[in-house]
Amino acid sequence: MTIASEITRINTNIAAAYTACNNKGATMPVAQNSANLATCIGSITGGGGSSTKYGASIDNLLGNIDANDVLMPPVTTFSATFTDVQDIATYTLAYKFYHTGVTSVDFPDLTTLSSINALDSFCIDCSGLTSFTADALTTVSGSYSLYYAFSECTHLTTVDLSALTTVSGSYSFSYSFNRCTNLTTVDLSALTTVSGSHAFDYAFTYCNSLTSIDLSALTTVSSSYGLGYTFSNCRNLTTIDLSALKTVSGNNAFYRAFNGCTSLTSINFPALEIISGTNAFASAFQSCTSLTSVSFPALTSNSFSNRTNQFNNMLKGVTGCTVHFPSNLQSVIGNWTDVVAGFGGTNTAVLFDLTATE
């Protein structure tokens, strides 16, 4: 090693140190040399009430640093913001905030959840949490990625998933907001496709403050139990927009999806053309005691892929509901066991009174 090469090495290291200082918010001297390096490092501000690394900011989780740079005990609540995070690795945040005092969670740059169990039970049973925002998230493909993530967060009121278009991971959304009893606003208005087995299983069960859900972009549910139990026992749910849903092909895809939604009075599937999964709508509206009307105006004789059991007990526990089909389907499904039995309901009226589309 020559003297010249050693000088070059030292100068390179000093330059790298100044770059690191600049990234940490240090006051940069005009002359960036070894003599000024210690002062530059010392200018990096400590404290300030939050800890930030790689964009993850957790306010007061371990306590704030006071004006004298003393770490003080935390108060009972804190917030969490994860800027610049675009995906989350396997198990990285699983159980991280379980039963803590987190009040809000924000992932402003998260676009994809592609790893298994990424947010598994992340904030389960956090009774002080009021909002969850991931308004850039477009794709959930990791199995169990949001499994139980916010289950039993009883003060959660707002969930913003306004960019989410695709859910394909098995159990990926399962139980995610189960028993969030004060949840009033959920934005899933961009969701188009659900293809993961049990993807939304129990996702919003017992969310008794939900009165409406906008699934107006959803066109395809192609997985078994894809929406199984999703809104089960949401007792104040009155409006469900499924106006774009065109294809339901998963076995038991809507199994008990709206079971126990006792305020629901009617539901319409104006674009639904394909129901090819076995028992696709089995028990879908079980115990919806106020339900008076279900309509399937877009179904045709080619909608059922030779299966005859897509509506098994669809109206079990429901009295006096009228189910509407296009007029030309009477010769196709009129003798099906489920149709003749009124879909398991009591005093069900099955009418073939809608204008045929084929």
Protein backbone atom coordinates (compact mmCIF):
# COMPACT_ATOMS: atom_id res chain seq x y z
CA MET A 1 0.00 0.00 0.00
CA THR A 2 1.49 3.36 -1.05
CA ILE A 3 1.14 6.63 0.78
CA ALA A 4 -0.92 7.98 -2.13
CA SER A 5 -3.38 5.08 -2.06
CA GLU A 6 -3.78 5.39 1.71
CA ILE A 7 -4.56 9.12 1.36
CA THR A 8 -7.14 8.28 -1.33
CA ARG A 9 -8.77 5.67 0.94
CA ILE A 10 -9.00 8.12 3.87
CA ASN A 11 -10.46 10.87 1.67
CA THR A 12 -13.06 8.43 0.30
CA ASN A 13 -14.09 7.40 3.81
CA ILE A 14 -14.36 11.04 4.92
CA ALA A 15 -16.53 11.85 1.90
CA ALA A 16 -18.80 8.88 2.70
CA ALA A 17 -19.10 10.03 6.31
CA TYR A 18 -20.17 13.50 5.20
CA THR A 19 -22.74 11.99 2.85
CA ALA A 20 -24.18 9.99 5.74
CA CYS A 21 -24.26 13.12 7.91
CA ASN A 22 -26.10 15.04 5.20
CA ASN A 23 -28.68 12.25 4.94
CA LYS A 24 -29.25 12.51 8.68
CA GLY A 25 -29.91 16.26 8.53
CA ALA A 26 -26.55 17.48 9.83
CA THR A 27 -25.33 21.06 9.41
CA MET A 28 -22.76 20.74 6.64
CA PRO A 29 -19.51 22.76 6.91
CA VAL A 30 -18.03 24.57 3.92
CA ALA A 31 -14.79 22.66 4.33
CA GLN A 32 -15.67 18.96 4.53
CA ASN A 33 -12.44 17.65 5.99
CA SER A 34 -11.37 15.47 8.89
CA ALA A 35 -11.02 18.45 11.20
CA ASN A 36 -14.69 19.44 10.83
CA LEU A 37 -16.17 15.93 10.82
CA ALA A 38 -16.78 15.66 14.57
CA THR A 39 -18.62 19.00 14.66
CA CYS A 40 -20.73 17.94 11.69
CA ILE A 41 -21.71 14.68 13.40
CA GLY A 42 -22.55 16.56 16.57
CA SER A 43 -24.99 18.78 14.70
CA ILE A 44 -27.31 15.85 13.95
CA THR A 45 -30.43 16.58 15.98
CA GLY A 46 -31.47 14.03 18.61
CA GLY A 47 -34.91 13.63 20.15
CA GLY A 48 -37.92 15.31 18.63
CA GLY A 49 -40.59 12.82 19.58
CA SER A 50 -40.26 10.21 16.85
CA SER A 51 -37.93 7.50 15.63
CA THR A 52 -37.44 7.23 11.87
CA LYS A 53 -35.54 4.64 9.86
CA TYR A 54 -36.12 3.75 6.22
CA GLY A 55 -39.35 5.72 6.29
CA ALA A 56 -41.03 4.01 9.27
CA SER A 57 -42.07 6.61 11.85
CA ILE A 58 -43.45 5.46 15.18
CA ASP A 59 -44.45 8.27 17.47
CA ASN A 60 -43.94 7.65 21.20
CA LEU A 61 -43.87 3.83 21.03
CA LEU A 62 -40.97 3.69 23.51
CA GLY A 63 -41.34 7.23 24.81
CA ASN A 64 -40.31 10.70 23.72
CA ILE A 65 -36.89 12.30 24.20
CA ASP A 66 -37.26 15.56 26.09
CA ALA A 67 -35.39 18.86 25.64
CA ASN A 68 -32.53 17.55 27.78
CA ASP A 69 -32.20 14.41 25.61
CA VAL A 70 -33.66 12.22 28.34
CA LEU A 71 -35.85 9.32 27.21
CA MET A 72 -39.15 9.61 29.05
CA PRO A 73 -41.78 6.91 29.62
CA PRO A 74 -44.31 6.63 26.80
CA VAL A 75 -47.86 7.83 27.09
CA THR A 76 -50.54 5.26 26.51
CA THR A 77 -51.09 5.96 22.79
CA PHE A 78 -48.99 6.39 19.66
CA SER A 79 -49.40 6.60 15.88
CA ALA A 80 -47.55 4.80 13.11
CA THR A 81 -46.69 6.00 9.60
CA PHE A 82 -44.64 3.95 7.15
CA THR A 83 -43.52 6.24 4.32
CA ASP A 84 -41.58 4.84 1.35
CA VAL A 85 -42.66 1.27 2.21
CA GLN A 86 -43.97 -0.28 -1.01
CA ASP A 87 -44.14 -3.94 0.04
CA ILE A 88 -43.64 -5.91 3.27
CA ALA A 89 -41.55 -9.04 3.63
CA THR A 90 -42.80 -12.34 5.09
CA TYR A 91 -43.84 -12.04 8.77
CA THR A 92 -42.13 -8.63 9.03
CA LEU A 93 -45.01 -6.90 10.85
CA ALA A 94 -46.91 -9.94 12.09
CA TYR A 95 -48.19 -9.29 15.64
CA LYS A 96 -45.98 -6.17 15.90
CA PHE A 97 -48.71 -3.96 17.41
CA TYR A 98 -50.83 -6.68 18.99
CA HIS A 99 -52.89 -5.25 21.87
CA THR A 100 -50.99 -1.93 21.93
CA GLY A 101 -52.11 1.72 22.14
CA VAL A 102 -51.71 2.55 18.44
CA THR A 103 -54.31 5.12 17.35
CA SER A 104 -53.69 5.32 13.59
CA VAL A 105 -51.79 3.34 10.97
CA ASP A 106 -50.83 4.84 7.62
CA PHE A 107 -49.00 3.21 4.70
CA PRO A 108 -49.08 6.07 2.15
CA ASP A 109 -46.69 4.40 -0.33
CA LEU A 110 -47.61 0.73 0.07
CA THR A 111 -48.59 -0.65 -3.36
CA THR A 112 -48.29 -4.41 -2.94
CA LEU A 113 -48.64 -7.08 -0.28
CA SER A 114 -46.98 -10.04 -1.95
CA SER A 115 -45.46 -11.93 0.99
CA ILE A 116 -47.19 -14.46 3.20
CA ASN A 117 -48.25 -13.30 6.68
CA ALA A 118 -46.82 -9.82 6.06
CA LEU A 119 -49.38 -8.11 8.34
CA ASP A 120 -50.75 -11.23 10.03
CA SER A 121 -52.44 -10.13 13.29
CA PHE A 122 -50.59 -6.82 12.96
CA CYS A 123 -52.92 -4.71 15.13
CA ILE A 124 -55.27 -7.36 16.49
CA ASP A 125 -57.26 -6.21 19.54
CA CYS A 126 -55.96 -2.61 19.47
CA SER A 127 -58.98 -0.96 21.04
CA GLY A 128 -57.68 2.61 20.51
CA LEU A 129 -57.09 2.34 16.77
CA THR A 130 -59.45 4.63 14.83
CA SER A 131 -58.11 4.66 11.26
CA PHE A 132 -56.17 2.56 8.78
CA THR A 133 -55.01 4.05 5.50
CA ALA A 134 -53.31 2.26 2.61
CA ASP A 135 -54.67 4.36 -0.24
CA ALA A 136 -51.93 3.39 -2.73
CA LEU A 137 -52.29 -0.37 -2.21
CA THR A 138 -53.42 -2.00 -5.46
CA THR A 139 -52.61 -5.70 -5.07
CA VAL A 140 -52.83 -8.24 -2.27
CA SER A 141 -51.36 -11.55 -3.40
CA GLY A 142 -49.58 -12.94 -0.36
CA SER A 143 -51.35 -15.75 1.47
CA TYR A 144 -52.48 -14.68 4.96
CA SER A 145 -50.98 -11.24 4.30
CA LEU A 146 -53.78 -9.36 6.14
CA TYR A 147 -55.00 -12.33 8.16
CA TYR A 148 -56.60 -11.02 11.39
CA ALA A 149 -54.61 -7.80 10.82
CA PHE A 150 -57.15 -5.48 12.51
CA SER A 151 -59.53 -7.98 14.05
CA GLU A 152 -61.41 -6.76 17.15
CA CYS A 153 -60.18 -3.18 16.84
CA THR A 154 -63.42 -2.01 18.40
CA HIS A 155 -62.87 1.75 17.90
CA LEU A 156 -61.74 1.56 14.28
CA THR A 157 -64.09 3.74 12.21
CA THR A 158 -62.35 4.32 8.86
CA VAL A 159 -60.52 2.02 6.42
CA ASP A 160 -59.14 3.51 3.19
CA LEU A 161 -58.24 0.90 0.57
CA SER A 162 -59.43 3.07 -2.29
CA ALA A 163 -56.80 1.89 -4.82
CA LEU A 164 -57.13 -1.85 -4.15
CA THR A 165 -58.05 -3.68 -7.37
CA THR A 166 -56.93 -7.29 -6.94
CA VAL A 167 -56.95 -9.85 -4.13
CA SER A 168 -55.52 -13.23 -5.04
CA GLY A 169 -53.76 -14.68 -2.02
CA SER A 170 -55.35 -17.56 -0.10
CA TYR A 171 -56.80 -16.27 3.17
CA SER A 172 -55.12 -12.97 2.34
CA PHE A 173 -57.96 -10.77 3.67
CA SER A 174 -59.48 -13.36 5.97
CA TYR A 175 -60.72 -12.03 9.34
CA SER A 176 -58.89 -8.76 8.63
CA PHE A 177 -61.57 -6.49 10.15
CA ASN A 178 -63.58 -9.10 12.01
CA ARG A 179 -65.59 -7.65 14.93
CA CYS A 180 -64.59 -4.04 14.29
CA THR A 181 -67.91 -3.03 15.76
CA ASN A 182 -67.58 0.75 15.21
CA LEU A 183 -66.38 0.57 11.62
CA THR A 184 -68.57 2.89 9.53
CA THR A 185 -66.53 3.62 6.40
CA VAL A 186 -64.69 1.11 4.18
CA ASP A 187 -63.45 2.15 0.75
CA LEU A 188 -63.17 -0.87 -1.56
CA SER A 189 -64.60 0.98 -4.53
CA ALA A 190 -61.77 0.02 -6.94
CA LEU A 191 -61.78 -3.72 -6.19
CA THR A 192 -62.33 -5.68 -9.42
CA THR A 193 -61.13 -9.24 -8.81
CA VAL A 194 -61.16 -11.76 -5.96
CA SER A 195 -59.45 -15.04 -6.81
CA GLY A 196 -57.74 -16.26 -3.66
CA SER A 197 -59.26 -19.25 -1.88
CA HIS A 198 -61.05 -17.96 1.25
CA ALA A 199 -59.67 -14.52 0.33
CA PHE A 200 -62.33 -12.47 2.18
CA ASP A 201 -63.46 -15.18 4.57
CA TYR A 202 -64.99 -13.47 7.64
CA ALA A 203 -63.32 -10.18 6.67
CA PHE A 204 -66.05 -7.90 8.08
CA THR A 205 -68.12 -10.20 10.29
CA TYR A 206 -69.97 -8.47 13.13
CA CYS A 207 -69.11 -4.99 11.82
CA ASN A 208 -72.44 -3.78 13.13
CA SER A 209 -71.91 -0.10 12.33
CA LEU A 210 -71.49 -0.68 8.59
CA THR A 211 -74.60 0.49 6.75
CA SER A 212 -73.34 0.34 3.16
CA ILE A 213 -70.55 -1.23 1.15
CA ASP A 214 -69.41 -0.13 -2.30
CA LEU A 215 -68.22 -3.06 -4.43
CA SER A 216 -69.36 -1.39 -7.63
CA ALA A 217 -66.13 -2.22 -9.54
CA LEU A 218 -66.09 -5.91 -8.59
CA THR A 219 -66.50 -8.02 -11.73
CA THR A 220 -65.08 -11.44 -10.82
CA VAL A 221 -65.12 -13.81 -7.86
CA SER A 222 -63.41 -16.98 -9.01
CA SER A 223 -62.23 -18.71 -5.85
CA SER A 224 -63.75 -21.17 -3.41
CA TYR A 225 -65.21 -19.34 -0.41
CA GLY A 226 -63.85 -16.13 -1.94
CA LEU A 227 -66.50 -14.04 -0.15
CA GLY A 228 -67.45 -16.69 2.37
CA TYR A 229 -68.98 -15.12 5.51
CA THR A 230 -67.52 -11.76 4.43
CA PHE A 231 -70.32 -9.57 5.82
CA SER A 232 -71.92 -12.13 8.09
CA ASN A 233 -73.85 -10.59 10.98
CA CYS A 234 -73.39 -7.00 9.82
CA ARG A 235 -76.79 -6.27 11.27
CA ASN A 236 -77.15 -2.66 10.08
CA LEU A 237 -75.97 -3.23 6.52
CA THR A 238 -78.71 -2.01 4.19
CA THR A 239 -76.94 -1.22 0.88
CA ILE A 240 -74.56 -3.41 -1.11
CA ASP A 241 -73.47 -2.28 -4.58
CA LEU A 242 -72.52 -5.29 -6.72
CA SER A 243 -73.62 -3.68 -9.96
CA ALA A 244 -70.61 -4.76 -12.05
CA LEU A 245 -70.31 -8.36 -10.83
CA LYS A 246 -70.28 -10.51 -13.95
CA THR A 247 -68.71 -13.87 -13.03
CA VAL A 248 -68.96 -16.08 -9.94
CA SER A 249 -67.09 -19.31 -10.57
CA GLY A 250 -65.68 -20.42 -7.25
CA ASN A 251 -67.25 -23.27 -5.27
CA ASN A 252 -69.14 -21.79 -2.31
CA ALA A 253 -67.95 -18.38 -3.48
CA PHE A 254 -70.70 -16.50 -1.61
CA TYR A 255 -71.23 -19.03 1.15
CA ARG A 256 -73.07 -17.21 3.95
CA ALA A 257 -71.58 -13.98 2.63
CA PHE A 258 -74.49 -11.94 4.05
CA ASN A 259 -75.66 -14.36 6.72
CA GLY A 260 -77.51 -12.55 9.50
CA CYS A 261 -77.62 -9.13 7.76
CA THR A 262 -80.99 -8.45 9.34
CA SER A 263 -81.42 -4.90 7.94
CA LEU A 264 -80.87 -5.89 4.31
CA THR A 265 -84.16 -5.63 2.39
CA SER A 266 -83.12 -6.16 -1.24
CA ILE A 267 -80.15 -7.03 -3.41
CA ASN A 268 -79.68 -6.93 -7.16
CA PHE A 269 -77.07 -8.53 -9.44
CA PRO A 270 -77.75 -6.60 -12.67
CA ALA A 271 -74.61 -7.74 -14.56
CA LEU A 272 -74.20 -11.30 -13.28
CA GLU A 273 -74.00 -13.64 -16.28
CA ILE A 274 -71.98 -16.64 -15.07
CA ILE A 275 -72.57 -18.76 -11.94
CA SER A 276 -70.51 -21.86 -12.51
CA GLY A 277 -69.20 -22.84 -9.10
CA THR A 278 -70.79 -25.63 -7.12
CA ASN A 279 -72.97 -24.16 -4.35
CA ALA A 280 -71.81 -20.69 -5.36
CA PHE A 281 -74.65 -18.92 -3.49
CA ALA A 282 -75.18 -21.58 -0.82
CA SER A 283 -76.76 -20.00 2.28
CA ALA A 284 -75.66 -16.59 0.96
CA PHE A 285 -78.59 -14.72 2.57
CA GLN A 286 -79.30 -17.06 5.45
CA SER A 287 -81.15 -15.37 8.31
CA CYS A 288 -81.51 -12.05 6.46
CA THR A 289 -84.88 -11.70 8.12
CA SER A 290 -85.86 -8.39 6.43
CA LEU A 291 -84.95 -9.50 2.92
CA THR A 292 -87.88 -9.18 0.51
CA SER A 293 -86.26 -9.16 -2.95
CA VAL A 294 -83.32 -10.76 -4.80
CA SER A 295 -82.89 -10.20 -8.55
CA PHE A 296 -80.73 -11.86 -11.20
CA PRO A 297 -81.74 -10.04 -14.42
CA ALA A 298 -78.67 -10.90 -16.57
CA LEU A 299 -78.65 -14.69 -16.19
CA THR A 300 -79.19 -16.79 -19.31
CA SER A 301 -79.59 -20.46 -20.16
CA ASN A 302 -75.81 -20.60 -20.63
CA SER A 303 -74.99 -19.21 -17.19
CA PHE A 304 -74.74 -22.39 -15.13
CA SER A 305 -72.15 -24.76 -16.72
CA ASN A 306 -74.46 -27.78 -16.30
CA ARG A 307 -74.50 -27.38 -12.51
CA THR A 308 -77.87 -27.34 -10.78
CA ASN A 309 -76.99 -26.60 -7.14
CA GLN A 310 -75.66 -23.03 -7.12
CA PHE A 311 -78.50 -21.74 -4.88
CA ASN A 312 -78.54 -24.39 -2.14
CA ASN A 313 -80.42 -22.97 0.90
CA MET A 314 -79.73 -19.43 -0.31
CA LEU A 315 -82.69 -18.11 1.73
CA LYS A 316 -82.60 -20.38 4.76
CA GLY A 317 -84.24 -18.60 7.69
CA VAL A 318 -85.85 -15.99 5.42
CA THR A 319 -89.64 -15.58 5.15
CA GLY A 320 -91.61 -13.94 2.34
CA CYS A 321 -88.79 -13.12 -0.07
CA THR A 322 -89.33 -12.84 -3.84
CA VAL A 323 -86.56 -14.01 -6.18
CA HIS A 324 -86.66 -12.61 -9.72
CA PHE A 325 -85.24 -14.31 -12.83
CA PRO A 326 -85.50 -13.66 -16.59
CA SER A 327 -88.58 -15.18 -18.17
CA ASN A 328 -86.74 -17.68 -20.37
CA LEU A 329 -85.06 -19.38 -17.40
CA GLN A 330 -88.21 -21.07 -16.17
CA SER A 331 -87.68 -23.99 -18.54
CA VAL A 332 -84.00 -24.19 -17.51
CA ILE A 333 -84.07 -23.96 -13.71
CA GLY A 334 -87.75 -24.16 -12.83
CA ASN A 335 -87.52 -27.79 -11.75
CA TRP A 336 -84.27 -27.54 -9.83
CA THR A 337 -84.62 -28.87 -6.29
CA ASP A 338 -83.47 -25.59 -4.74
CA VAL A 339 -85.88 -23.54 -6.82
CA VAL A 340 -88.86 -25.77 -6.07
CA ALA A 341 -87.96 -25.67 -2.37
CA GLY A 342 -87.83 -21.87 -2.37
CA PHE A 343 -84.09 -21.87 -1.75
CA GLY A 344 -84.66 -23.11 1.78
CA GLY A 345 -86.80 -20.12 2.73
CA THR A 346 -90.39 -19.94 3.95
CA ASN A 347 -93.14 -18.62 1.67
CA THR A 348 -90.59 -17.81 -1.04
CA ALA A 349 -91.98 -16.51 -4.32
CA VAL A 350 -89.89 -17.46 -7.38
CA LEU A 351 -90.86 -15.31 -10.36
CA PHE A 352 -89.63 -15.47 -13.93
CA ASP A 353 -90.77 -11.95 -14.62
CA LEU A 354 -87.68 -10.14 -15.92
CA THR A 355 -86.94 -9.38 -19.56
CA ALA A 356 -84.63 -12.00 -21.04
CA THR A 357 -81.28 -10.77 -22.38
CA GLU A 358 -80.53 -13.63 -24.79
